[in-house]
PDB file of N, CA and C in Angstrom:
ATOM      1  N   MET A   1       0.867  -1.121   0.068  1.00  0.00           N
ATOM      2  CA  MET A   1       0.125   0.104  -0.029  1.00  0.00           C
ATOM      3  C   MET A   1       0.841   1.238  -0.014  1.00  0.00           C
ATOM      4  N   ALA A   2       0.633   1.973  -0.846  1.00  0.00           N
ATOM      5  CA  ALA A   2       1.495   3.298  -1.073  1.00  0.00           C
ATOM      6  C   ALA A   2       1.032   4.387  -0.129  1.00  0.00           C
ATOM      7  N   HIS A   3       1.933   5.235   0.319  1.00  0.00           N
ATOM      8  CA  HIS A   3       1.540   6.354   1.294  1.00  0.00           C
ATOM      9  C   HIS A   3       1.082   7.532   0.432  1.00  0.00           C
ATOM     10  N   ASP A   4       0.057   8.189   0.848  1.00  0.00           N
ATOM     11  CA  ASP A   4      -0.109   9.473   0.379  1.00  0.00           C
ATOM     12  C   ASP A   4       0.748  10.478   0.938  1.00  0.00           C
ATOM     13  N   HIS A   5       1.752  10.977   0.209  1.00  0.00           N
ATOM     14  CA  HIS A   5       2.806  11.757   0.874  1.00  0.00           C
ATOM     15  C   HIS A   5       2.227  13.049   1.687  1.00  0.00           C
ATOM     16  N   ALA A   6       0.990  13.433   1.142  1.00  0.00           N
ATOM     17  CA  ALA A   6       0.519  14.797   1.742  1.00  0.00           C
ATOM     18  C   ALA A   6       0.001  14.311   3.073  1.00  0.00           C
ATOM     19  N   ALA A   7      -0.562  13.165   3.349  1.00  0.00           N
ATOM     20  CA  ALA A   7      -1.158  12.785   4.540  1.00  0.00           C
ATOM     21  C   ALA A   7      -0.113  12.029   5.474  1.00  0.00           C
ATOM     22  N   VAL A   8       1.039  11.830   5.227  1.00  0.00           N
ATOM     23  CA  VAL A   8       2.051  11.251   6.167  1.00  0.00           C
ATOM     24  C   VAL A   8       2.378  12.220   7.256  1.00  0.00           C
ATOM     25  N   ALA A   9       2.017  11.739   8.490  1.00  0.00           N
ATOM     26  CA  ALA A   9       2.332  12.578   9.609  1.00  0.00           C
ATOM     27  C   ALA A   9       3.902  12.387  10.062  1.00  0.00           C
ATOM     28  N   LYS A  10       4.307  13.567  10.695  1.00  0.00           N
ATOM     29  CA  LYS A  10       5.621  13.437  11.298  1.00  0.00           C
ATOM     30  C   LYS A  10       5.533  13.109  12.809  1.00  0.00           C
ATOM     31  N   MET A  11       6.587  12.506  13.355  1.00  0.00           N
ATOM     32  CA  MET A  11       6.702  12.057  14.578  1.00  0.00           C
ATOM     33  C   MET A  11       6.336  13.030  15.636  1.00  0.00           C
ATOM     34  N   SER A  12       6.819  14.277  15.293  1.00  0.00           N
ATOM     35  CA  SER A  12       6.648  15.375  16.161  1.00  0.00           C
ATOM     36  C   SER A  12       5.203  15.626  16.581  1.00  0.00           C
ATOM     37  N   GLU A  13       4.253  15.397  15.487  1.00  0.00           N
ATOM     38  CA  GLU A  13       2.886  15.396  15.908  1.00  0.00           C
ATOM     39  C   GLU A  13       2.267  14.705  16.945  1.00  0.00           C
ATOM     40  N   LEU A  14       2.866  13.588  17.255  1.00  0.00           N
ATOM     41  CA  LEU A  14       2.480  12.541  18.166  1.00  0.00           C
ATOM     42  C   LEU A  14       2.633  13.166  19.671  1.00  0.00           C
ATOM     43  N   PHE A  15       3.415  14.227  19.734  1.00  0.00           N
ATOM     44  CA  PHE A  15       3.738  14.728  21.000  1.00  0.00           C
ATOM     45  C   PHE A  15       2.634  15.890  21.626  1.00  0.00           C
ATOM     46  N   ASP A  16       1.669  16.109  20.813  1.00  0.00           N
ATOM     47  CA  ASP A  16       0.745  17.021  21.210  1.00  0.00           C
ATOM     48  C   ASP A  16      -0.602  16.360  21.382  1.00  0.00           C
ATOM     49  N   PRO A  17      -1.240  16.443  22.587  1.00  0.00           N
ATOM     50  CA  PRO A  17      -0.849  17.310  23.615  1.00  0.00           C
ATOM     51  C   PRO A  17       0.057  16.615  24.587  1.00  0.00           C
ATOM     52  N   ALA A  18       1.009  17.382  25.418  1.00  0.00           N
ATOM     53  CA  ALA A  18       1.871  16.743  26.324  1.00  0.00           C
ATOM     54  C   ALA A  18       1.089  15.991  27.400  1.00  0.00           C
ATOM     55  N   PRO A  19       1.575  15.206  28.015  1.00  0.00           N
ATOM     56  CA  PRO A  19       0.758  14.385  29.174  1.00  0.00           C
ATOM     57  C   PRO A  19       0.584  15.414  30.375  1.00  0.00           C
ATOM     58  N   GLY A  20      -0.460  15.255  31.001  1.00  0.00           N
ATOM     59  CA  GLY A  20      -0.852  15.962  32.216  1.00  0.00           C
ATOM     60  C   GLY A  20      -0.051  15.847  33.419  1.00  0.00           C
ATOM     61  N   ARG A  21       0.651  14.405  33.497  1.00  0.00           N
ATOM     62  CA  ARG A  21       1.403  14.153  34.696  1.00  0.00           C
ATOM     63  C   ARG A  21       2.671  13.392  34.123  1.00  0.00           C
ATOM     64  N   TRP A  22       3.751  13.579  34.994  1.00  0.00           N
ATOM     65  CA  TRP A  22       5.063  12.978  34.624  1.00  0.00           C
ATOM     66  C   TRP A  22       5.578  12.080  35.746  1.00  0.00           C
ATOM     67  N   GLY A  23       6.562  11.343  35.402  1.00  0.00           N
ATOM     68  CA  GLY A  23       7.150  10.499  36.682  1.00  0.00           C
ATOM     69  C   GLY A  23       8.110  11.490  37.524  1.00  0.00           C
ATOM     70  N   LEU A  24       9.109  12.163  36.680  1.00  0.00           N
ATOM     71  CA  LEU A  24      10.089  13.015  37.669  1.00  0.00           C
ATOM     72  C   LEU A  24      10.159  14.179  36.838  1.00  0.00           C
ATOM     73  N   ARG A  25      10.844  15.205  37.432  1.00  0.00           N
ATOM     74  CA  ARG A  25      11.150  16.425  36.767  1.00  0.00           C
ATOM     75  C   ARG A  25      11.899  16.394  35.484  1.00  0.00           C
ATOM     76  N   GLY A  26      12.687  15.424  35.257  1.00  0.00           N
ATOM     77  CA  GLY A  26      13.323  15.392  33.997  1.00  0.00           C
ATOM     78  C   GLY A  26      12.620  15.033  32.815  1.00  0.00           C
ATOM     79  N   ASP A  27      11.431  14.308  33.175  1.00  0.00           N
ATOM     80  CA  ASP A  27      10.636  13.659  32.148  1.00  0.00           C
ATOM     81  C   ASP A  27      10.195  14.765  31.055  1.00  0.00           C
ATOM     82  N   PRO A  28       9.691  15.741  31.310  1.00  0.00           N
ATOM     83  CA  PRO A  28       9.113  16.666  30.457  1.00  0.00           C
ATOM     84  C   PRO A  28      10.347  17.182  29.400  1.00  0.00           C
ATOM     85  N   HIS A  29      11.441  17.294  29.978  1.00  0.00           N
ATOM     86  CA  HIS A  29      12.490  17.739  29.190  1.00  0.00           C
ATOM     87  C   HIS A  29      13.000  16.531  28.128  1.00  0.00           C
ATOM     88  N   VAL A  30      12.983  15.461  28.499  1.00  0.00           N
ATOM     89  CA  VAL A  30      13.166  14.236  27.641  1.00  0.00           C
ATOM     90  C   VAL A  30      12.095  14.357  26.530  1.00  0.00           C
ATOM     91  N   TRP A  31      10.730  14.533  26.949  1.00  0.00           N
ATOM     92  CA  TRP A  31       9.838  14.534  26.006  1.00  0.00           C
ATOM     93  C   TRP A  31       9.929  15.562  24.830  1.00  0.00           C
ATOM     94  N   GLN A  32      10.533  16.919  25.333  1.00  0.00           N
ATOM     95  CA  GLN A  32      10.796  17.816  24.423  1.00  0.00           C
ATOM     96  C   GLN A  32      11.950  17.461  23.529  1.00  0.00           C
ATOM     97  N   ALA A  33      13.029  16.868  24.148  1.00  0.00           N
ATOM     98  CA  ALA A  33      14.155  16.442  23.297  1.00  0.00           C
ATOM     99  C   ALA A  33      13.833  15.317  22.389  1.00  0.00           C
ATOM    100  N   LEU A  34      12.925  14.454  22.717  1.00  0.00           N
ATOM    101  CA  LEU A  34      12.598  13.386  21.824  1.00  0.00           C
ATOM    102  C   LEU A  34      11.847  13.880  20.703  1.00  0.00           C
ATOM    103  N   ARG A  35      10.960  14.850  20.954  1.00  0.00           N
ATOM    104  CA  ARG A  35      10.110  15.576  20.003  1.00  0.00           C
ATOM    105  C   ARG A  35      11.044  16.349  18.864  1.00  0.00           C
ATOM    106  N   ASP A  36      12.031  16.927  19.560  1.00  0.00           N
ATOM    107  CA  ASP A  36      12.906  17.678  18.654  1.00  0.00           C
ATOM    108  C   ASP A  36      13.726  16.849  17.732  1.00  0.00           C
ATOM    109  N   ALA A  37      14.133  15.618  18.359  1.00  0.00           N
ATOM    110  CA  ALA A  37      15.022  14.764  17.642  1.00  0.00           C
ATOM    111  C   ALA A  37      14.260  14.053  16.416  1.00  0.00           C
ATOM    112  N   LEU A  38      12.919  13.952  16.605  1.00  0.00           N
ATOM    113  CA  LEU A  38      12.162  13.231  15.613  1.00  0.00           C
ATOM    114  C   LEU A  38      11.220  14.135  14.725  1.00  0.00           C
ATOM    115  N   SER A  39      11.632  15.416  14.968  1.00  0.00           N
ATOM    116  CA  SER A  39      10.734  16.555  14.249  1.00  0.00           C
ATOM    117  C   SER A  39      10.476  16.246  12.675  1.00  0.00           C
ATOM    118  N   GLY A  40      11.597  15.900  11.988  1.00  0.00           N
ATOM    119  CA  GLY A  40      11.549  15.766  10.542  1.00  0.00           C
ATOM    120  C   GLY A  40      11.333  14.322  10.071  1.00  0.00           C
ATOM    121  N   THR A  41      10.908  13.545  10.959  1.00  0.00           N
ATOM    122  CA  THR A  41      10.722  12.026  10.565  1.00  0.00           C
ATOM    123  C   THR A  41       9.365  11.683  10.359  1.00  0.00           C
ATOM    124  N   ASP A  42       9.247  11.030   9.264  1.00  0.00           N
ATOM    125  CA  ASP A  42       7.660  10.645   9.018  1.00  0.00           C
ATOM    126  C   ASP A  42       7.376   9.384   9.982  1.00  0.00           C
ATOM    127  N   VAL A  43       6.136   9.282  10.345  1.00  0.00           N
ATOM    128  CA  VAL A  43       5.519   8.097  11.298  1.00  0.00           C
ATOM    129  C   VAL A  43       5.684   6.857  10.515  1.00  0.00           C
ATOM    130  N   PRO A  44       6.477   5.984  11.049  1.00  0.00           N
ATOM    131  CA  PRO A  44       6.566   4.614  10.308  1.00  0.00           C
ATOM    132  C   PRO A  44       5.260   3.989  10.045  1.00  0.00           C
ATOM    133  N   PRO A  45       5.143   3.148   9.094  1.00  0.00           N
ATOM    134  CA  PRO A  45       3.787   2.496   8.918  1.00  0.00           C
ATOM    135  C   PRO A  45       3.213   1.487   9.852  1.00  0.00           C
ATOM    136  N   SER A  46       4.240   0.912  10.769  1.00  0.00           N
ATOM    137  CA  SER A  46       3.822  -0.129  11.786  1.00  0.00           C
ATOM    138  C   SER A  46       3.955   0.373  13.206  1.00  0.00           C
ATOM    139  N   ALA A  47       3.012  -0.181  13.977  1.00  0.00           N
ATOM    140  CA  ALA A  47       3.319   0.101  15.470  1.00  0.00           C
ATOM    141  C   ALA A  47       4.686  -0.391  15.895  1.00  0.00           C
ATOM    142  N   GLU A  48       5.025  -1.564  15.526  1.00  0.00           N
ATOM    143  CA  GLU A  48       6.375  -2.078  15.911  1.00  0.00           C
ATOM    144  C   GLU A  48       7.549  -1.175  15.411  1.00  0.00           C
ATOM    145  N   ALA A  49       7.385  -0.550  14.289  1.00  0.00           N
ATOM    146  CA  ALA A  49       8.497   0.328  13.592  1.00  0.00           C
ATOM    147  C   ALA A  49       8.442   1.615  14.558  1.00  0.00           C
ATOM    148  N   VAL A  50       7.327   2.126  14.859  1.00  0.00           N
ATOM    149  CA  VAL A  50       7.256   3.313  15.704  1.00  0.00           C
ATOM    150  C   VAL A  50       7.828   3.079  17.021  1.00  0.00           C
ATOM    151  N   ALA A  51       7.288   1.940  17.631  1.00  0.00           N
ATOM    152  CA  ALA A  51       7.991   1.700  18.922  1.00  0.00           C
ATOM    153  C   ALA A  51       9.525   1.554  18.809  1.00  0.00           C
ATOM    154  N   GLY A  52      10.089   0.865  17.895  1.00  0.00           N
ATOM    155  CA  GLY A  52      11.354   0.771  17.711  1.00  0.00           C
ATOM    156  C   GLY A  52      12.181   1.970  17.487  1.00  0.00           C
ATOM    157  N   LEU A  53      11.636   2.947  16.840  1.00  0.00           N
ATOM    158  CA  LEU A  53      12.135   4.142  16.538  1.00  0.00           C
ATOM    159  C   LEU A  53      12.209   5.013  17.755  1.00  0.00           C
ATOM    160  N   LEU A  54      10.922   5.042  18.527  1.00  0.00           N
ATOM    161  CA  LEU A  54      10.953   5.880  19.825  1.00  0.00           C
ATOM    162  C   LEU A  54      11.877   5.201  20.924  1.00  0.00           C
ATOM    163  N   ARG A  55      12.032   3.971  20.931  1.00  0.00           N
ATOM    164  CA  ARG A  55      12.894   3.395  21.948  1.00  0.00           C
ATOM    165  C   ARG A  55      14.330   3.644  21.533  1.00  0.00           C
ATOM    166  N   ALA A  56      14.853   3.419  20.407  1.00  0.00           N
ATOM    167  CA  ALA A  56      16.053   3.867  19.893  1.00  0.00           C
ATOM    168  C   ALA A  56      16.356   5.203  20.225  1.00  0.00           C
ATOM    169  N   THR A  57      15.604   6.104  19.825  1.00  0.00           N
ATOM    170  CA  THR A  57      15.877   7.408  20.047  1.00  0.00           C
ATOM    171  C   THR A  57      15.939   7.991  21.494  1.00  0.00           C
ATOM    172  N   PHE A  58      15.049   7.289  22.357  1.00  0.00           N
ATOM    173  CA  PHE A  58      15.047   7.627  23.700  1.00  0.00           C
ATOM    174  C   PHE A  58      16.187   7.072  24.397  1.00  0.00           C
ATOM    175  N   GLU A  59      16.815   5.830  23.957  1.00  0.00           N
ATOM    176  CA  GLU A  59      17.886   5.310  24.562  1.00  0.00           C
ATOM    177  C   GLU A  59      19.228   6.037  24.180  1.00  0.00           C
ATOM    178  N   GLU A  60      19.162   6.655  23.004  1.00  0.00           N
ATOM    179  CA  GLU A  60      20.267   7.499  22.553  1.00  0.00           C
ATOM    180  C   GLU A  60      20.315   8.926  23.355  1.00  0.00           C
ATOM    181  N   LEU A  61      19.266   9.540  23.456  1.00  0.00           N
ATOM    182  CA  LEU A  61      19.033  10.898  24.404  1.00  0.00           C
ATOM    183  C   LEU A  61      19.365  10.482  25.720  1.00  0.00           C
ATOM    184  N   VAL A  62      18.936   9.417  26.215  1.00  0.00           N
ATOM    185  CA  VAL A  62      19.044   9.375  27.855  1.00  0.00           C
ATOM    186  C   VAL A  62      20.217   8.388  28.149  1.00  0.00           C
ATOM    187  N   GLU A  63      21.037   7.830  27.111  1.00  0.00           N
ATOM    188  CA  GLU A  63      22.099   7.135  27.340  1.00  0.00           C
ATOM    189  C   GLU A  63      21.950   5.971  28.130  1.00  0.00           C
ATOM    190  N   VAL A  64      20.827   5.127  27.935  1.00  0.00           N
ATOM    191  CA  VAL A  64      20.433   4.107  28.774  1.00  0.00           C
ATOM    192  C   VAL A  64      19.886   3.040  27.785  1.00  0.00           C
ATOM    193  N   ASP A  65      19.973   1.758  28.270  1.00  0.00           N
ATOM    194  CA  ASP A  65      19.347   0.624  27.804  1.00  0.00           C
ATOM    195  C   ASP A  65      18.123   0.475  28.426  1.00  0.00           C
ATOM    196  N   LEU A  66      16.830   0.893  27.782  1.00  0.00           N
ATOM    197  CA  LEU A  66      15.594   0.894  28.531  1.00  0.00           C
ATOM    198  C   LEU A  66      15.157  -0.466  29.153  1.00  0.00           C
ATOM    199  N   HIS A  67      15.355  -1.517  28.390  1.00  0.00           N
ATOM    200  CA  HIS A  67      14.950  -2.781  28.808  1.00  0.00           C
ATOM    201  C   HIS A  67      16.050  -3.481  29.740  1.00  0.00           C
ATOM    202  N   GLY A  68      17.403  -3.138  29.549  1.00  0.00           N
ATOM    203  CA  GLY A  68      18.492  -3.664  30.410  1.00  0.00           C
ATOM    204  C   GLY A  68      18.678  -2.989  31.578  1.00  0.00           C
ATOM    205  N   GLU A  69      18.249  -1.914  31.756  1.00  0.00           N
ATOM    206  CA  GLU A  69      18.450  -1.014  33.034  1.00  0.00           C
ATOM    207  C   GLU A  69      17.516  -1.414  33.973  1.00  0.00           C
ATOM    208  N   PRO A  70      17.921  -1.906  35.065  1.00  0.00           N
ATOM    209  CA  PRO A  70      16.926  -2.497  36.207  1.00  0.00           C
ATOM    210  C   PRO A  70      16.453  -1.409  37.084  1.00  0.00           C
ATOM    211  N   ALA A  71      17.107  -0.280  37.288  1.00  0.00           N
ATOM    212  CA  ALA A  71      16.769   0.821  38.030  1.00  0.00           C
ATOM    213  C   ALA A  71      15.391   1.490  37.520  1.00  0.00           C
ATOM    214  N   PRO A  72      14.550   1.860  38.256  1.00  0.00           N
ATOM    215  CA  PRO A  72      13.320   2.622  37.770  1.00  0.00           C
ATOM    216  C   PRO A  72      13.641   4.092  37.282  1.00  0.00           C
ATOM    217  N   HIS A  73      14.796   4.621  37.766  1.00  0.00           N
ATOM    218  CA  HIS A  73      15.069   6.120  37.091  1.00  0.00           C
ATOM    219  C   HIS A  73      16.542   6.192  37.186  1.00  0.00           C
ATOM    220  N   VAL A  74      16.908   7.118  36.287  1.00  0.00           N
ATOM    221  CA  VAL A  74      18.262   7.532  36.222  1.00  0.00           C
ATOM    222  C   VAL A  74      18.323   9.022  36.293  1.00  0.00           C
ATOM    223  N   TYR A  75      19.586   9.546  36.592  1.00  0.00           N
ATOM    224  CA  TYR A  75      20.000  11.019  36.579  1.00  0.00           C
ATOM    225  C   TYR A  75      20.744  11.373  35.444  1.00  0.00           C
ATOM    226  N   ARG A  76      20.293  12.384  34.732  1.00  0.00           N
ATOM    227  CA  ARG A  76      21.039  12.877  33.534  1.00  0.00           C
ATOM    228  C   ARG A  76      21.033  14.419  33.681  1.00  0.00           C
ATOM    229  N   GLN A  77      22.272  14.928  33.724  1.00  0.00           N
ATOM    230  CA  GLN A  77      22.520  16.211  34.119  1.00  0.00           C
ATOM    231  C   GLN A  77      21.994  17.184  33.022  1.00  0.00           C
ATOM    232  N   ARG A  78      21.759  16.797  31.715  1.00  0.00           N
ATOM    233  CA  ARG A  78      21.339  17.624  30.607  1.00  0.00           C
ATOM    234  C   ARG A  78      19.771  17.860  30.878  1.00  0.00           C
ATOM    235  N   TYR A  79      19.179  17.019  31.648  1.00  0.00           N
ATOM    236  CA  TYR A  79      17.648  17.222  31.902  1.00  0.00           C
ATOM    237  C   TYR A  79      17.462  17.852  33.179  1.00  0.00           C
ATOM    238  N   ALA A  80      18.490  18.349  33.801  1.00  0.00           N
ATOM    239  CA  ALA A  80      18.284  19.038  35.196  1.00  0.00           C
ATOM    240  C   ALA A  80      18.134  20.535  35.105  1.00  0.00           C
ATOM    241  N   HIS A  81      16.738  20.944  35.372  1.00  0.00           N
ATOM    242  CA  HIS A  81      16.247  22.224  35.089  1.00  0.00           C
ATOM    243  C   HIS A  81      15.675  22.805  36.314  1.00  0.00           C
ATOM    244  N   GLY A  82      16.124  22.326  37.529  1.00  0.00           N
ATOM    245  CA  GLY A  82      15.573  22.900  38.942  1.00  0.00           C
ATOM    246  C   GLY A  82      14.600  21.879  39.463  1.00  0.00           C
ATOM    247  N   GLY A  83      14.451  21.990  40.814  1.00  0.00           N
ATOM    248  CA  GLY A  83      13.385  21.102  41.426  1.00  0.00           C
ATOM    249  C   GLY A  83      14.303  20.021  42.161  1.00  0.00           C
ATOM    250  N   MET A  84      13.653  19.360  43.141  1.00  0.00           N
ATOM    251  CA  MET A  84      14.290  18.082  43.944  1.00  0.00           C
ATOM    252  C   MET A  84      14.553  17.090  42.967  1.00  0.00           C
ATOM    253  N   SER A  85      13.849  16.740  41.897  1.00  0.00           N
ATOM    254  CA  SER A  85      14.015  15.644  41.150  1.00  0.00           C
ATOM    255  C   SER A  85      14.503  15.960  39.838  1.00  0.00           C
ATOM    256  N   GLY A  86      15.065  17.260  39.653  1.00  0.00           N
ATOM    257  CA  GLY A  86      15.564  17.763  38.347  1.00  0.00           C
ATOM    258  C   GLY A  86      16.681  16.835  37.825  1.00  0.00           C
ATOM    259  N   GLY A  87      16.428  16.573  36.654  1.00  0.00           N
ATOM    260  CA  GLY A  87      17.639  15.561  35.952  1.00  0.00           C
ATOM    261  C   GLY A  87      17.216  14.206  36.137  1.00  0.00           C
ATOM    262  N   MET A  88      16.231  13.828  36.956  1.00  0.00           N
ATOM    263  CA  MET A  88      15.768  12.527  37.221  1.00  0.00           C
ATOM    264  C   MET A  88      14.828  12.040  35.928  1.00  0.00           C
ATOM    265  N   VAL A  89      15.176  10.924  35.445  1.00  0.00           N
ATOM    266  CA  VAL A  89      14.202  10.498  34.290  1.00  0.00           C
ATOM    267  C   VAL A  89      13.728   9.106  34.641  1.00  0.00           C
ATOM    268  N   HIS A  90      12.350   9.207  34.905  1.00  0.00           N
ATOM    269  CA  HIS A  90      11.579   7.980  35.570  1.00  0.00           C
ATOM    270  C   HIS A  90      11.425   7.050  34.243  1.00  0.00           C
ATOM    271  N   LEU A  91      12.485   5.943  34.292  1.00  0.00           N
ATOM    272  CA  LEU A  91      12.408   4.914  33.315  1.00  0.00           C
ATOM    273  C   LEU A  91      10.998   4.119  33.327  1.00  0.00           C
ATOM    274  N   ASP A  92      10.491   3.765  34.390  1.00  0.00           N
ATOM    275  CA  ASP A  92       9.272   3.058  34.396  1.00  0.00           C
ATOM    276  C   ASP A  92       8.185   3.766  33.880  1.00  0.00           C
ATOM    277  N   THR A  93       8.158   5.075  34.036  1.00  0.00           N
ATOM    278  CA  THR A  93       6.990   5.724  33.483  1.00  0.00           C
ATOM    279  C   THR A  93       7.234   5.764  31.824  1.00  0.00           C
ATOM    280  N   TRP A  94       8.358   5.970  31.311  1.00  0.00           N
ATOM    281  CA  TRP A  94       8.651   5.842  29.882  1.00  0.00           C
ATOM    282  C   TRP A  94       8.246   4.514  29.315  1.00  0.00           C
ATOM    283  N   ARG A  95       8.682   3.338  30.194  1.00  0.00           N
ATOM    284  CA  ARG A  95       8.379   2.082  29.584  1.00  0.00           C
ATOM    285  C   ARG A  95       6.850   1.677  29.533  1.00  0.00           C
ATOM    286  N   HIS A  96       6.264   2.163  30.626  1.00  0.00           N
ATOM    287  CA  HIS A  96       4.842   1.743  30.794  1.00  0.00           C
ATOM    288  C   HIS A  96       3.676   2.673  30.488  1.00  0.00           C
ATOM    289  N   ARG A  97       4.117   4.078  30.185  1.00  0.00           N
ATOM    290  CA  ARG A  97       3.114   4.959  30.047  1.00  0.00           C
ATOM    291  C   ARG A  97       3.489   5.899  28.686  1.00  0.00           C
ATOM    292  N   LEU A  98       4.496   6.510  28.795  1.00  0.00           N
ATOM    293  CA  LEU A  98       4.847   7.527  27.846  1.00  0.00           C
ATOM    294  C   LEU A  98       5.078   7.017  26.431  1.00  0.00           C
ATOM    295  N   LEU A  99       6.109   6.106  26.359  1.00  0.00           N
ATOM    296  CA  LEU A  99       6.277   5.333  24.983  1.00  0.00           C
ATOM    297  C   LEU A  99       4.947   4.713  24.540  1.00  0.00           C
ATOM    298  N   PRO A 100       4.437   3.913  25.283  1.00  0.00           N
ATOM    299  CA  PRO A 100       3.114   3.316  24.680  1.00  0.00           C
ATOM    300  C   PRO A 100       2.086   4.255  24.115  1.00  0.00           C
ATOM    301  N   LEU A 101       1.983   5.521  25.017  1.00  0.00           N
ATOM    302  CA  LEU A 101       0.984   6.543  24.530  1.00  0.00           C
ATOM    303  C   LEU A 101       1.390   7.223  23.295  1.00  0.00           C
ATOM    304  N   LEU A 102       2.738   7.251  22.954  1.00  0.00           N
ATOM    305  CA  LEU A 102       3.110   7.807  21.655  1.00  0.00           C
ATOM    306  C   LEU A 102       2.834   6.715  20.431  1.00  0.00           C
ATOM    307  N   VAL A 103       3.101   5.517  20.932  1.00  0.00           N
ATOM    308  CA  VAL A 103       2.830   4.455  19.773  1.00  0.00           C
ATOM    309  C   VAL A 103       1.230   4.497  19.564  1.00  0.00           C
ATOM    310  N   GLU A 104       0.463   4.567  20.712  1.00  0.00           N
ATOM    311  CA  GLU A 104      -0.943   4.566  20.408  1.00  0.00           C
ATOM    312  C   GLU A 104      -1.292   5.661  19.716  1.00  0.00           C
ATOM    313  N   ARG A 105      -0.963   6.809  19.722  1.00  0.00           N
ATOM    314  CA  ARG A 105      -1.235   8.013  19.218  1.00  0.00           C
ATOM    315  C   ARG A 105      -0.880   7.870  17.563  1.00  0.00           C
ATOM    316  N   ALA A 106       0.321   7.117  17.301  1.00  0.00           N
ATOM    317  CA  ALA A 106       0.630   6.872  15.930  1.00  0.00           C
ATOM    318  C   ALA A 106      -0.388   5.971  15.249  1.00  0.00           C
ATOM    319  N   GLY A 107      -1.026   5.110  15.794  1.00  0.00           N
ATOM    320  CA  GLY A 107      -1.946   4.202  15.175  1.00  0.00           C
ATOM    321  C   GLY A 107      -3.165   4.845  15.143  1.00  0.00           C
ATOM    322  N   ARG A 108      -3.626   6.060  15.630  1.00  0.00           N
ATOM    323  CA  ARG A 108      -4.920   6.595  15.468  1.00  0.00           C
ATOM    324  C   ARG A 108      -4.975   7.205  14.173  1.00  0.00           C
ATOM    325  N   PRO A 109      -6.216   7.021  13.392  1.00  0.00           N
ATOM    326  CA  PRO A 109      -6.358   7.705  12.155  1.00  0.00           C
ATOM    327  C   PRO A 109      -6.391   9.267  12.360  1.00  0.00           C
ATOM    328  N   ARG A 110      -5.738   9.935  11.338  1.00  0.00           N
ATOM    329  CA  ARG A 110      -5.739  11.349  11.500  1.00  0.00           C
ATOM    330  C   ARG A 110      -6.651  11.982  10.548  1.00  0.00           C
ATOM    331  N   ASP A 111      -7.298  13.014  11.029  1.00  0.00           N
ATOM    332  CA  ASP A 111      -8.298  13.580  10.113  1.00  0.00           C
ATOM    333  C   ASP A 111      -7.428  14.658   9.253  1.00  0.00           C
ATOM    334  N   PRO A 112      -7.610  14.435   7.911  1.00  0.00           N
ATOM    335  CA  PRO A 112      -6.739  15.271   6.942  1.00  0.00           C
ATOM    336  C   PRO A 112      -6.984  16.736   7.257  1.00  0.00           C
ATOM    337  N   ARG A 113      -8.328  17.157   7.775  1.00  0.00           N
ATOM    338  CA  ARG A 113      -8.484  18.529   7.983  1.00  0.00           C
ATOM    339  C   ARG A 113      -7.587  19.150   9.177  1.00  0.00           C
ATOM    340  N   THR A 114      -7.102  18.148   9.969  1.00  0.00           N
ATOM    341  CA  THR A 114      -6.176  18.726  11.183  1.00  0.00           C
ATOM    342  C   THR A 114      -4.857  18.594  10.738  1.00  0.00           C
ATOM    343  N   LEU A 115      -4.443  18.154   9.805  1.00  0.00           N
ATOM    344  CA  LEU A 115      -2.968  17.906   9.637  1.00  0.00           C
ATOM    345  C   LEU A 115      -2.461  19.175   9.052  1.00  0.00           C
ATOM    346  N   PRO A 116      -1.104  19.392   9.550  1.00  0.00           N
ATOM    347  CA  PRO A 116      -0.546  20.776   9.180  1.00  0.00           C
ATOM    348  C   PRO A 116      -0.196  20.908   7.724  1.00  0.00           C
ATOM    349  N   ALA A 117      -0.225  21.976   7.161  1.00  0.00           N
ATOM    350  CA  ALA A 117       0.093  22.351   5.699  1.00  0.00           C
ATOM    351  C   ALA A 117       1.477  21.880   5.539  1.00  0.00           C
ATOM    352  N   ARG A 118       1.669  21.335   4.451  1.00  0.00           N
ATOM    353  CA  ARG A 118       3.073  20.876   4.025  1.00  0.00           C
ATOM    354  C   ARG A 118       3.588  21.800   3.106  1.00  0.00           C
TER     355      ARG A 118
END
């Protein structure tokens, strides 16, 4: 099945709206970094490909093996922007809620009337 190039969404579109709650203070900064890193990337055609792209990009940005790291959270200086848990990235939140949310959003049909102009 060929893609209609005018209707292919970009990965960055999956990040709106941002979640109402986060795991730790570093998480919103990772969300934005992930969005920025994927801004020009088309949404892959399968949920598995979307999940793989998100995981690989997350792991690169946070410098962690998401499935191999047993800790529920890690500290990363680049995501420290104040607060008691500044710089803390809650891996369990990303594993179980945030990355699955983005994959789910990628699978939703998009109304052509709400797609940004290309």
